[in-house]
């Protein structure tokens, strides 16, 4: 499996966050990078990294329900597309930030969006 999404291809630093084998398509992985909460999602053969705090109320999106390319907030049901961060219902209030992801030698690396 290879992945290289670079929505913010600036000079930011790549952070090694997980082993690819740690990921499960049904259960997102929450990590902290330099004080920023990030959710790591496996959606088919793609890996995505999104802002992990729900914009509606403080909740970790990575603790929500993931299915069919959608993540649902565990508190109030805000729904977002995993591939784009786009909010799908009004309770989400705004889109989630997407972070660049690459997989190298079985390791997942993330570059934070600014």
PDB file of N, CA and C in Angstrom:
ATOM      1  N   UNK A   1       0.852  -1.167   0.000  1.00  0.00           N
ATOM      2  CA  UNK A   1       0.000   0.000   0.000  1.00  0.00           C
ATOM      3  C   UNK A   1       0.897   1.228   0.000  1.00  0.00           C
ATOM      4  N   UNK A   2       0.621   2.145  -0.906  1.00  0.00           N
ATOM      5  CA  UNK A   2       1.366   3.401  -0.896  1.00  0.00           C
ATOM      6  C   UNK A   2       0.371   4.540  -0.832  1.00  0.00           C
ATOM      7  N   UNK A   3       0.812   5.638  -0.309  1.00  0.00           N
ATOM      8  CA  UNK A   3      -0.074   6.779  -0.143  1.00  0.00           C
ATOM      9  C   UNK A   3       0.796   8.021  -0.105  1.00  0.00           C
ATOM     10  N   UNK A   4       0.415   9.031  -0.811  1.00  0.00           N
ATOM     11  CA  UNK A   4       1.114  10.303  -0.723  1.00  0.00           C
ATOM     12  C   UNK A   4       0.118  11.385  -1.087  1.00  0.00           C
ATOM     13  N   UNK A   5      -0.490  11.987  -0.079  1.00  0.00           N
ATOM     14  CA  UNK A   5      -1.412  13.089  -0.302  1.00  0.00           C
ATOM     15  C   UNK A   5      -0.744  14.334   0.242  1.00  0.00           C
ATOM     16  N   UNK A   6      -0.681  15.363  -0.552  1.00  0.00           N
ATOM     17  CA  UNK A   6       0.034  16.563  -0.118  1.00  0.00           C
ATOM     18  C   UNK A   6      -0.806  17.816  -0.335  1.00  0.00           C
ATOM     19  N   UNK A   7      -1.897  17.987   0.453  1.00  0.00           N
ATOM     20  CA  UNK A   7      -2.718  19.182   0.295  1.00  0.00           C
ATOM     21  C   UNK A   7      -1.996  20.449   0.720  1.00  0.00           C
ATOM     22  N   UNK A   8      -0.925  20.334   1.473  1.00  0.00           N
ATOM     23  CA  UNK A   8      -0.196  21.494   1.963  1.00  0.00           C
ATOM     24  C   UNK A   8       1.296  21.267   1.741  1.00  0.00           C
ATOM     25  N   UNK A   9       1.703  21.137   0.507  1.00  0.00           N
ATOM     26  CA  UNK A   9       3.077  20.753   0.198  1.00  0.00           C
ATOM     27  C   UNK A   9       4.038  21.925   0.388  1.00  0.00           C
ATOM     28  N   UNK A  10       4.143  22.408   1.625  1.00  0.00           N
ATOM     29  CA  UNK A  10       5.081  23.478   1.949  1.00  0.00           C
ATOM     30  C   UNK A  10       6.335  22.846   2.540  1.00  0.00           C
ATOM     31  N   UNK A  11       7.087  23.607   3.264  1.00  0.00           N
ATOM     32  CA  UNK A  11       8.331  23.089   3.821  1.00  0.00           C
ATOM     33  C   UNK A  11       8.148  22.489   5.216  1.00  0.00           C
ATOM     34  N   UNK A  12       6.912  22.116   5.581  1.00  0.00           N
ATOM     35  CA  UNK A  12       6.658  21.564   6.904  1.00  0.00           C
ATOM     36  C   UNK A  12       7.386  20.255   7.131  1.00  0.00           C
ATOM     37  N   UNK A  13       7.435  19.861   8.370  1.00  0.00           N
ATOM     38  CA  UNK A  13       8.138  18.653   8.774  1.00  0.00           C
ATOM     39  C   UNK A  13       7.198  17.448   8.734  1.00  0.00           C
ATOM     40  N   UNK A  14       7.707  16.324   8.248  1.00  0.00           N
ATOM     41  CA  UNK A  14       6.965  15.060   8.280  1.00  0.00           C
ATOM     42  C   UNK A  14       7.183  14.406   9.641  1.00  0.00           C
ATOM     43  N   UNK A  15       6.097  13.867  10.213  1.00  0.00           N
ATOM     44  CA  UNK A  15       6.138  13.218  11.514  1.00  0.00           C
ATOM     45  C   UNK A  15       5.746  11.755  11.352  1.00  0.00           C
ATOM     46  N   UNK A  16       6.588  10.852  11.826  1.00  0.00           N
ATOM     47  CA  UNK A  16       6.302   9.424  11.823  1.00  0.00           C
ATOM     48  C   UNK A  16       5.324   9.169  12.962  1.00  0.00           C
ATOM     49  N   UNK A  17       4.102   8.711  12.637  1.00  0.00           N
ATOM     50  CA  UNK A  17       3.072   8.610  13.667  1.00  0.00           C
ATOM     51  C   UNK A  17       2.618   7.194  13.986  1.00  0.00           C
ATOM     52  N   UNK A  18       2.804   6.262  13.061  1.00  0.00           N
ATOM     53  CA  UNK A  18       2.287   4.914  13.314  1.00  0.00           C
ATOM     54  C   UNK A  18       2.845   3.917  12.312  1.00  0.00           C
ATOM     55  N   UNK A  19       2.765   2.678  12.704  1.00  0.00           N
ATOM     56  CA  UNK A  19       3.066   1.599  11.783  1.00  0.00           C
ATOM     57  C   UNK A  19       1.777   1.308  11.010  1.00  0.00           C
ATOM     58  N   UNK A  20       1.890   1.098   9.720  1.00  0.00           N
ATOM     59  CA  UNK A  20       0.720   0.847   8.888  1.00  0.00           C
ATOM     60  C   UNK A  20      -0.119  -0.299   9.439  1.00  0.00           C
ATOM     61  N   UNK A  21       0.519  -1.310   9.982  1.00  0.00           N
ATOM     62  CA  UNK A  21      -0.203  -2.476  10.513  1.00  0.00           C
ATOM     63  C   UNK A  21      -1.057  -2.133  11.738  1.00  0.00           C
ATOM     64  N   UNK A  22      -0.841  -0.964  12.360  1.00  0.00           N
ATOM     65  CA  UNK A  22      -1.651  -0.531  13.499  1.00  0.00           C
ATOM     66  C   UNK A  22      -3.038  -0.058  13.065  1.00  0.00           C
ATOM     67  N   UNK A  23      -3.193   0.285  11.798  1.00  0.00           N
ATOM     68  CA  UNK A  23      -4.446   0.864  11.339  1.00  0.00           C
ATOM     69  C   UNK A  23      -5.487  -0.216  11.059  1.00  0.00           C
ATOM     70  N   UNK A  24      -6.731   0.154  11.309  1.00  0.00           N
ATOM     71  CA  UNK A  24      -7.871  -0.726  11.088  1.00  0.00           C
ATOM     72  C   UNK A  24      -8.950   0.108  10.408  1.00  0.00           C
ATOM     73  N   UNK A  25      -9.487  -0.336   9.267  1.00  0.00           N
ATOM     74  CA  UNK A  25     -10.498   0.461   8.548  1.00  0.00           C
ATOM     75  C   UNK A  25     -11.734   0.811   9.382  1.00  0.00           C
ATOM     76  N   UNK A  26     -12.006   0.066  10.426  1.00  0.00           N
ATOM     77  CA  UNK A  26     -13.195   0.331  11.239  1.00  0.00           C
ATOM     78  C   UNK A  26     -12.905   1.221  12.442  1.00  0.00           C
ATOM     79  N   UNK A  27     -11.620   1.383  12.781  1.00  0.00           N
ATOM     80  CA  UNK A  27     -11.272   2.115  13.997  1.00  0.00           C
ATOM     81  C   UNK A  27     -10.154   3.115  13.722  1.00  0.00           C
ATOM     82  N   UNK A  28     -10.475   4.413  13.650  1.00  0.00           N
ATOM     83  CA  UNK A  28      -9.446   5.428  13.450  1.00  0.00           C
ATOM     84  C   UNK A  28      -8.434   5.413  14.594  1.00  0.00           C
ATOM     85  N   UNK A  29      -7.277   5.971  14.324  1.00  0.00           N
ATOM     86  CA  UNK A  29      -6.221   6.076  15.316  1.00  0.00           C
ATOM     87  C   UNK A  29      -5.996   7.546  15.633  1.00  0.00           C
ATOM     88  N   UNK A  30      -6.108   7.918  16.891  1.00  0.00           N
ATOM     89  CA  UNK A  30      -5.844   9.290  17.314  1.00  0.00           C
ATOM     90  C   UNK A  30      -4.406   9.428  17.767  1.00  0.00           C
ATOM     91  N   UNK A  31      -3.729  10.480  17.296  1.00  0.00           N
ATOM     92  CA  UNK A  31      -2.351  10.756  17.695  1.00  0.00           C
ATOM     93  C   UNK A  31      -2.223  12.240  18.001  1.00  0.00           C
ATOM     94  N   UNK A  32      -1.158  12.588  18.707  1.00  0.00           N
ATOM     95  CA  UNK A  32      -0.860  13.997  18.963  1.00  0.00           C
ATOM     96  C   UNK A  32       0.485  14.314  18.330  1.00  0.00           C
ATOM     97  N   UNK A  33       0.515  15.385  17.534  1.00  0.00           N
ATOM     98  CA  UNK A  33       1.739  15.826  16.875  1.00  0.00           C
ATOM     99  C   UNK A  33       1.982  17.274  17.277  1.00  0.00           C
ATOM    100  N   UNK A  34       3.047  17.520  17.993  1.00  0.00           N
ATOM    101  CA  UNK A  34       3.387  18.881  18.425  1.00  0.00           C
ATOM    102  C   UNK A  34       2.190  19.604  19.033  1.00  0.00           C
ATOM    103  N   UNK A  35       1.435  18.925  19.883  1.00  0.00           N
ATOM    104  CA  UNK A  35       0.288  19.528  20.546  1.00  0.00           C
ATOM    105  C   UNK A  35      -0.984  19.574  19.722  1.00  0.00           C
ATOM    106  N   UNK A  36      -0.954  19.039  18.505  1.00  0.00           N
ATOM    107  CA  UNK A  36      -2.123  19.023  17.623  1.00  0.00           C
ATOM    108  C   UNK A  36      -2.709  17.614  17.581  1.00  0.00           C
ATOM    109  N   UNK A  37      -4.012  17.508  17.864  1.00  0.00           N
ATOM    110  CA  UNK A  37      -4.699  16.223  17.795  1.00  0.00           C
ATOM    111  C   UNK A  37      -5.008  15.896  16.331  1.00  0.00           C
ATOM    112  N   UNK A  38      -4.623  14.694  15.896  1.00  0.00           N
ATOM    113  CA  UNK A  38      -4.808  14.271  14.511  1.00  0.00           C
ATOM    114  C   UNK A  38      -5.429  12.879  14.506  1.00  0.00           C
ATOM    115  N   UNK A  39      -6.431  12.697  13.654  1.00  0.00           N
ATOM    116  CA  UNK A  39      -7.036  11.385  13.457  1.00  0.00           C
ATOM    117  C   UNK A  39      -6.475  10.768  12.194  1.00  0.00           C
ATOM    118  N   UNK A  40      -6.057   9.508  12.272  1.00  0.00           N
ATOM    119  CA  UNK A  40      -5.524   8.769  11.131  1.00  0.00           C
ATOM    120  C   UNK A  40      -6.570   7.736  10.731  1.00  0.00           C
ATOM    121  N   UNK A  41      -6.922   7.741   9.453  1.00  0.00           N
ATOM    122  CA  UNK A  41      -8.001   6.892   8.948  1.00  0.00           C
ATOM    123  C   UNK A  41      -7.521   6.033   7.787  1.00  0.00           C
ATOM    124  N   UNK A  42      -7.886   4.766   7.808  1.00  0.00           N
ATOM    125  CA  UNK A  42      -7.681   3.903   6.650  1.00  0.00           C
ATOM    126  C   UNK A  42      -9.028   3.781   5.968  1.00  0.00           C
ATOM    127  N   UNK A  43      -9.077   4.170   4.709  1.00  0.00           N
ATOM    128  CA  UNK A  43     -10.314   4.108   3.922  1.00  0.00           C
ATOM    129  C   UNK A  43      -9.976   3.353   2.642  1.00  0.00           C
ATOM    130  N   UNK A  44     -10.265   2.058   2.634  1.00  0.00           N
ATOM    131  CA  UNK A  44      -9.850   1.225   1.520  1.00  0.00           C
ATOM    132  C   UNK A  44      -8.344   1.120   1.521  1.00  0.00           C
ATOM    133  N   UNK A  45      -7.720   1.455   0.386  1.00  0.00           N
ATOM    134  CA  UNK A  45      -6.261   1.401   0.323  1.00  0.00           C
ATOM    135  C   UNK A  45      -5.618   2.768   0.522  1.00  0.00           C
ATOM    136  N   UNK A  46      -6.388   3.740   0.968  1.00  0.00           N
ATOM    137  CA  UNK A  46      -5.874   5.102   1.202  1.00  0.00           C
ATOM    138  C   UNK A  46      -5.826   5.393   2.697  1.00  0.00           C
ATOM    139  N   UNK A  47      -4.844   6.219   3.068  1.00  0.00           N
ATOM    140  CA  UNK A  47      -4.696   6.669   4.449  1.00  0.00           C
ATOM    141  C   UNK A  47      -4.909   8.183   4.457  1.00  0.00           C
ATOM    142  N   UNK A  48      -5.677   8.652   5.409  1.00  0.00           N
ATOM    143  CA  UNK A  48      -5.979  10.079   5.522  1.00  0.00           C
ATOM    144  C   UNK A  48      -5.704  10.547   6.952  1.00  0.00           C
ATOM    145  N   UNK A  49      -5.381  11.821   7.090  1.00  0.00           N
ATOM    146  CA  UNK A  49      -5.171  12.426   8.399  1.00  0.00           C
ATOM    147  C   UNK A  49      -6.007  13.706   8.464  1.00  0.00           C
ATOM    148  N   UNK A  50      -6.828  13.796   9.496  1.00  0.00           N
ATOM    149  CA  UNK A  50      -7.715  14.943   9.672  1.00  0.00           C
ATOM    150  C   UNK A  50      -7.542  15.538  11.060  1.00  0.00           C
ATOM    151  N   UNK A  51      -7.888  16.806  11.146  1.00  0.00           N
ATOM    152  CA  UNK A  51      -8.034  17.465  12.446  1.00  0.00           C
ATOM    153  C   UNK A  51      -8.903  16.539  13.298  1.00  0.00           C
ATOM    154  N   UNK A  52      -8.525  16.317  14.546  1.00  0.00           N
ATOM    155  CA  UNK A  52      -9.227  15.316  15.360  1.00  0.00           C
ATOM    156  C   UNK A  52     -10.243  15.896  16.323  1.00  0.00           C
ATOM    157  N   UNK A  53     -10.343  17.204  16.409  1.00  0.00           N
ATOM    158  CA  UNK A  53     -11.298  17.829  17.331  1.00  0.00           C
ATOM    159  C   UNK A  53     -12.528  18.279  16.537  1.00  0.00           C
ATOM    160  N   UNK A  54     -13.700  17.811  16.947  1.00  0.00           N
ATOM    161  CA  UNK A  54     -14.940  18.203  16.277  1.00  0.00           C
ATOM    162  C   UNK A  54     -15.174  19.705  16.464  1.00  0.00           C
ATOM    163  N   UNK A  55     -15.500  20.432  15.378  1.00  0.00           N
ATOM    164  CA  UNK A  55     -15.723  21.876  15.497  1.00  0.00           C
ATOM    165  C   UNK A  55     -16.980  22.235  16.299  1.00  0.00           C
ATOM    166  N   UNK A  56     -17.905  21.301  16.441  1.00  0.00           N
ATOM    167  CA  UNK A  56     -19.156  21.586  17.140  1.00  0.00           C
ATOM    168  C   UNK A  56     -18.959  21.617  18.654  1.00  0.00           C
ATOM    169  N   UNK A  57     -18.279  20.634  19.168  1.00  0.00           N
ATOM    170  CA  UNK A  57     -18.038  20.545  20.606  1.00  0.00           C
ATOM    171  C   UNK A  57     -16.803  19.685  20.786  1.00  0.00           C
ATOM    172  N   UNK A  58     -16.062  19.938  21.838  1.00  0.00           N
ATOM    173  CA  UNK A  58     -14.809  19.211  22.014  1.00  0.00           C
ATOM    174  C   UNK A  58     -15.084  17.718  22.113  1.00  0.00           C
ATOM    175  N   UNK A  59     -14.730  17.006  21.062  1.00  0.00           N
ATOM    176  CA  UNK A  59     -14.817  15.548  21.024  1.00  0.00           C
ATOM    177  C   UNK A  59     -13.766  15.078  20.042  1.00  0.00           C
ATOM    178  N   UNK A  60     -13.171  13.952  20.335  1.00  0.00           N
ATOM    179  CA  UNK A  60     -12.184  13.399  19.420  1.00  0.00           C
ATOM    180  C   UNK A  60     -12.898  12.621  18.317  1.00  0.00           C
ATOM    181  N   UNK A  61     -12.732  13.099  17.095  1.00  0.00           N
ATOM    182  CA  UNK A  61     -13.357  12.440  15.949  1.00  0.00           C
ATOM    183  C   UNK A  61     -12.864  11.009  15.796  1.00  0.00           C
ATOM    184  N   UNK A  62     -11.617  10.756  16.167  1.00  0.00           N
ATOM    185  CA  UNK A  62     -11.055   9.413  16.042  1.00  0.00           C
ATOM    186  C   UNK A  62     -11.731   8.410  16.974  1.00  0.00           C
ATOM    187  N   UNK A  63     -12.570   8.883  17.888  1.00  0.00           N
ATOM    188  CA  UNK A  63     -13.339   7.989  18.749  1.00  0.00           C
ATOM    189  C   UNK A  63     -14.755   7.790  18.217  1.00  0.00           C
ATOM    190  N   UNK A  64     -15.001   8.348  17.033  1.00  0.00           N
ATOM    191  CA  UNK A  64     -16.319   8.246  16.433  1.00  0.00           C
ATOM    192  C   UNK A  64     -16.506   6.983  15.618  1.00  0.00           C
ATOM    193  N   UNK A  65     -17.619   6.937  14.905  1.00  0.00           N
ATOM    194  CA  UNK A  65     -18.011   5.780  14.108  1.00  0.00           C
ATOM    195  C   UNK A  65     -17.591   6.004  12.661  1.00  0.00           C
ATOM    196  N   UNK A  66     -16.768   5.112  12.116  1.00  0.00           N
ATOM    197  CA  UNK A  66     -16.267   5.224  10.738  1.00  0.00           C
ATOM    198  C   UNK A  66     -16.919   4.157   9.864  1.00  0.00           C
ATOM    199  N   UNK A  67     -17.484   4.616   8.728  1.00  0.00           N
ATOM    200  CA  UNK A  67     -18.085   3.674   7.780  1.00  0.00           C
ATOM    201  C   UNK A  67     -18.255   4.349   6.427  1.00  0.00           C
ATOM    202  N   UNK A  68     -17.946   3.622   5.361  1.00  0.00           N
ATOM    203  CA  UNK A  68     -18.159   4.083   3.984  1.00  0.00           C
ATOM    204  C   UNK A  68     -17.546   5.452   3.705  1.00  0.00           C
ATOM    205  N   UNK A  69     -16.336   5.691   4.200  1.00  0.00           N
ATOM    206  CA  UNK A  69     -15.647   6.944   3.919  1.00  0.00           C
ATOM    207  C   UNK A  69     -16.132   8.129   4.724  1.00  0.00           C
ATOM    208  N   UNK A  70     -16.914   7.872   5.772  1.00  0.00           N
ATOM    209  CA  UNK A  70     -17.486   8.928   6.612  1.00  0.00           C
ATOM    210  C   UNK A  70     -17.078   8.675   8.059  1.00  0.00           C
ATOM    211  N   UNK A  71     -16.761   9.756   8.782  1.00  0.00           N
ATOM    212  CA  UNK A  71     -16.546   9.662  10.229  1.00  0.00           C
ATOM    213  C   UNK A  71     -17.642  10.479  10.915  1.00  0.00           C
ATOM    214  N   UNK A  72     -18.222   9.904  11.962  1.00  0.00           N
ATOM    215  CA  UNK A  72     -19.291  10.566  12.714  1.00  0.00           C
ATOM    216  C   UNK A  72     -18.810  10.862  14.126  1.00  0.00           C
ATOM    217  N   UNK A  73     -18.998  12.101  14.552  1.00  0.00           N
ATOM    218  CA  UNK A  73     -18.599  12.522  15.890  1.00  0.00           C
ATOM    219  C   UNK A  73     -19.301  11.663  16.948  1.00  0.00           C
ATOM    220  N   UNK A  74     -18.559  11.220  17.970  1.00  0.00           N
ATOM    221  CA  UNK A  74     -19.162  10.367  18.989  1.00  0.00           C
ATOM    222  C   UNK A  74     -20.146  11.098  19.914  1.00  0.00           C
ATOM    223  N   UNK A  75     -20.129  12.434  19.927  1.00  0.00           N
ATOM    224  CA  UNK A  75     -21.021  13.163  20.841  1.00  0.00           C
ATOM    225  C   UNK A  75     -22.359  13.550  20.227  1.00  0.00           C
ATOM    226  N   UNK A  76     -22.343  14.227  19.088  1.00  0.00           N
ATOM    227  CA  UNK A  76     -23.581  14.802  18.577  1.00  0.00           C
ATOM    228  C   UNK A  76     -23.894  14.445  17.132  1.00  0.00           C
ATOM    229  N   UNK A  77     -23.142  13.531  16.538  1.00  0.00           N
ATOM    230  CA  UNK A  77     -23.485  13.049  15.206  1.00  0.00           C
ATOM    231  C   UNK A  77     -23.034  13.908  14.041  1.00  0.00           C
ATOM    232  N   UNK A  78     -22.144  14.874  14.268  1.00  0.00           N
ATOM    233  CA  UNK A  78     -21.598  15.623  13.131  1.00  0.00           C
ATOM    234  C   UNK A  78     -20.873  14.620  12.233  1.00  0.00           C
ATOM    235  N   UNK A  79     -21.047  14.752  10.910  1.00  0.00           N
ATOM    236  CA  UNK A  79     -20.480  13.790   9.962  1.00  0.00           C
ATOM    237  C   UNK A  79     -19.561  14.506   8.976  1.00  0.00           C
ATOM    238  N   UNK A  80     -18.454  13.838   8.635  1.00  0.00           N
ATOM    239  CA  UNK A  80     -17.445  14.414   7.756  1.00  0.00           C
ATOM    240  C   UNK A  80     -16.923  13.357   6.795  1.00  0.00           C
ATOM    241  N   UNK A  81     -16.604  13.789   5.561  1.00  0.00           N
ATOM    242  CA  UNK A  81     -15.944  12.909   4.608  1.00  0.00           C
ATOM    243  C   UNK A  81     -14.503  12.717   5.052  1.00  0.00           C
ATOM    244  N   UNK A  82     -14.054  11.487   5.098  1.00  0.00           N
ATOM    245  CA  UNK A  82     -12.679  11.213   5.524  1.00  0.00           C
ATOM    246  C   UNK A  82     -11.671  11.708   4.491  1.00  0.00           C
ATOM    247  N   UNK A  83     -11.964  11.569   3.222  1.00  0.00           N
ATOM    248  CA  UNK A  83     -11.013  11.936   2.169  1.00  0.00           C
ATOM    249  C   UNK A  83     -10.797  13.441   2.053  1.00  0.00           C
ATOM    250  N   UNK A  84     -11.814  14.239   2.402  1.00  0.00           N
ATOM    251  CA  UNK A  84     -11.742  15.681   2.173  1.00  0.00           C
ATOM    252  C   UNK A  84     -11.905  16.533   3.433  1.00  0.00           C
ATOM    253  N   UNK A  85     -12.437  15.949   4.504  1.00  0.00           N
ATOM    254  CA  UNK A  85     -12.740  16.712   5.714  1.00  0.00           C
ATOM    255  C   UNK A  85     -14.035  17.496   5.619  1.00  0.00           C
ATOM    256  N   UNK A  86     -14.738  17.408   4.483  1.00  0.00           N
ATOM    257  CA  UNK A  86     -15.967  18.184   4.254  1.00  0.00           C
ATOM    258  C   UNK A  86     -17.064  17.787   5.246  1.00  0.00           C
ATOM    259  N   UNK A  87     -17.691  18.812   5.870  1.00  0.00           N
ATOM    260  CA  UNK A  87     -18.791  18.516   6.787  1.00  0.00           C
ATOM    261  C   UNK A  87     -20.043  18.186   5.971  1.00  0.00           C
ATOM    262  N   UNK A  88     -20.817  17.222   6.466  1.00  0.00           N
ATOM    263  CA  UNK A  88     -21.961  16.706   5.717  1.00  0.00           C
ATOM    264  C   UNK A  88     -23.298  17.058   6.341  1.00  0.00           C
ATOM    265  N   UNK A  89     -23.283  17.654   7.508  1.00  0.00           N
ATOM    266  CA  UNK A  89     -24.526  18.134   8.109  1.00  0.00           C
ATOM    267  C   UNK A  89     -24.221  19.410   8.893  1.00  0.00           C
ATOM    268  N   UNK A  90     -25.242  20.203   9.128  1.00  0.00           N
ATOM    269  CA  UNK A  90     -25.042  21.531   9.727  1.00  0.00           C
ATOM    270  C   UNK A  90     -24.391  21.494  11.093  1.00  0.00           C
ATOM    271  N   UNK A  91     -24.612  20.447  11.844  1.00  0.00           N
ATOM    272  CA  UNK A  91     -24.035  20.388  13.188  1.00  0.00           C
ATOM    273  C   UNK A  91     -22.502  20.398  13.134  1.00  0.00           C
ATOM    274  N   UNK A  92     -21.912  19.972  12.010  1.00  0.00           N
ATOM    275  CA  UNK A  92     -20.465  19.985  11.858  1.00  0.00           C
ATOM    276  C   UNK A  92     -19.869  21.377  11.791  1.00  0.00           C
ATOM    277  N   UNK A  93     -20.649  22.366  11.393  1.00  0.00           N
ATOM    278  CA  UNK A  93     -20.311  23.787  11.358  1.00  0.00           C
ATOM    279  C   UNK A  93     -19.280  24.177  10.306  1.00  0.00           C
ATOM    280  N   UNK A  94     -18.227  23.384  10.111  1.00  0.00           N
ATOM    281  CA  UNK A  94     -17.193  23.709   9.127  1.00  0.00           C
ATOM    282  C   UNK A  94     -16.439  22.426   8.780  1.00  0.00           C
ATOM    283  N   UNK A  95     -15.654  22.496   7.736  1.00  0.00           N
ATOM    284  CA  UNK A  95     -14.848  21.350   7.328  1.00  0.00           C
ATOM    285  C   UNK A  95     -13.694  21.145   8.306  1.00  0.00           C
ATOM    286  N   UNK A  96     -13.221  19.900   8.388  1.00  0.00           N
ATOM    287  CA  UNK A  96     -12.042  19.577   9.175  1.00  0.00           C
ATOM    288  C   UNK A  96     -10.797  19.805   8.327  1.00  0.00           C
ATOM    289  N   UNK A  97      -9.720  20.249   8.941  1.00  0.00           N
ATOM    290  CA  UNK A  97      -8.447  20.395   8.232  1.00  0.00           C
ATOM    291  C   UNK A  97      -7.933  19.023   7.824  1.00  0.00           C
ATOM    292  N   UNK A  98      -7.412  18.952   6.607  1.00  0.00           N
ATOM    293  CA  UNK A  98      -6.749  17.737   6.128  1.00  0.00           C
ATOM    294  C   UNK A  98      -5.238  17.941   6.234  1.00  0.00           C
ATOM    295  N   UNK A  99      -4.556  16.910   6.678  1.00  0.00           N
ATOM    296  CA  UNK A  99      -3.106  16.935   6.777  1.00  0.00           C
ATOM    297  C   UNK A  99      -2.525  15.992   5.726  1.00  0.00           C
ATOM    298  N   UNK A 100      -1.373  16.340   5.201  1.00  0.00           N
ATOM    299  CA  UNK A 100      -0.709  15.503   4.206  1.00  0.00           C
ATOM    300  C   UNK A 100      -0.261  14.192   4.850  1.00  0.00           C
ATOM    301  N   UNK A 101      -0.355  13.101   4.075  1.00  0.00           N
ATOM    302  CA  UNK A 101       0.027  11.773   4.552  1.00  0.00           C
ATOM    303  C   UNK A 101       0.900  11.104   3.511  1.00  0.00           C
ATOM    304  N   UNK A 102       1.884  10.363   3.991  1.00  0.00           N
ATOM    305  CA  UNK A 102       2.625   9.468   3.107  1.00  0.00           C
ATOM    306  C   UNK A 102       2.965   8.212   3.898  1.00  0.00           C
ATOM    307  N   UNK A 103       3.066   7.109   3.159  1.00  0.00           N
ATOM    308  CA  UNK A 103       3.431   5.838   3.766  1.00  0.00           C
ATOM    309  C   UNK A 103       4.742   5.400   3.132  1.00  0.00           C
ATOM    310  N   UNK A 104       5.728   5.163   3.983  1.00  0.00           N
ATOM    311  CA  UNK A 104       7.047   4.736   3.522  1.00  0.00           C
ATOM    312  C   UNK A 104       7.538   3.595   4.401  1.00  0.00           C
ATOM    313  N   UNK A 105       7.929   2.516   3.750  1.00  0.00           N
ATOM    314  CA  UNK A 105       8.481   1.368   4.480  1.00  0.00           C
ATOM    315  C   UNK A 105       7.579   0.912   5.619  1.00  0.00           C
ATOM    316  N   UNK A 106       6.265   0.911   5.368  1.00  0.00           N
ATOM    317  CA  UNK A 106       5.318   0.447   6.363  1.00  0.00           C
ATOM    318  C   UNK A 106       5.040   1.412   7.496  1.00  0.00           C
ATOM    319  N   UNK A 107       5.513   2.668   7.371  1.00  0.00           N
ATOM    320  CA  UNK A 107       5.295   3.685   8.399  1.00  0.00           C
ATOM    321  C   UNK A 107       4.414   4.796   7.838  1.00  0.00           C
ATOM    322  N   UNK A 108       3.490   5.283   8.647  1.00  0.00           N
ATOM    323  CA  UNK A 108       2.611   6.387   8.269  1.00  0.00           C
ATOM    324  C   UNK A 108       3.229   7.677   8.773  1.00  0.00           C
ATOM    325  N   UNK A 109       3.406   8.635   7.856  1.00  0.00           N
ATOM    326  CA  UNK A 109       3.971   9.944   8.205  1.00  0.00           C
ATOM    327  C   UNK A 109       2.962  11.029   7.862  1.00  0.00           C
ATOM    328  N   UNK A 110       2.911  12.055   8.695  1.00  0.00           N
ATOM    329  CA  UNK A 110       1.950  13.152   8.535  1.00  0.00           C
ATOM    330  C   UNK A 110       2.693  14.473   8.566  1.00  0.00           C
ATOM    331  N   UNK A 111       2.272  15.394   7.690  1.00  0.00           N
ATOM    332  CA  UNK A 111       2.756  16.776   7.706  1.00  0.00           C
ATOM    333  C   UNK A 111       1.556  17.650   8.041  1.00  0.00           C
ATOM    334  N   UNK A 112       1.658  18.404   9.116  1.00  0.00           N
ATOM    335  CA  UNK A 112       0.531  19.217   9.595  1.00  0.00           C
ATOM    336  C   UNK A 112       0.211  20.356   8.631  1.00  0.00           C
ATOM    337  N   UNK A 113      -1.089  20.543   8.417  1.00  0.00           N
ATOM    338  CA  UNK A 113      -1.573  21.716   7.674  1.00  0.00           C
ATOM    339  C   UNK A 113      -1.408  22.926   8.579  1.00  0.00           C
ATOM    340  N   UNK A 114      -1.115  24.061   7.996  1.00  0.00           N
ATOM    341  CA  UNK A 114      -0.959  25.282   8.790  1.00  0.00           C
ATOM    342  C   UNK A 114      -2.143  26.181   8.619  1.00  0.00           C
TER     343      UNK A 114
END
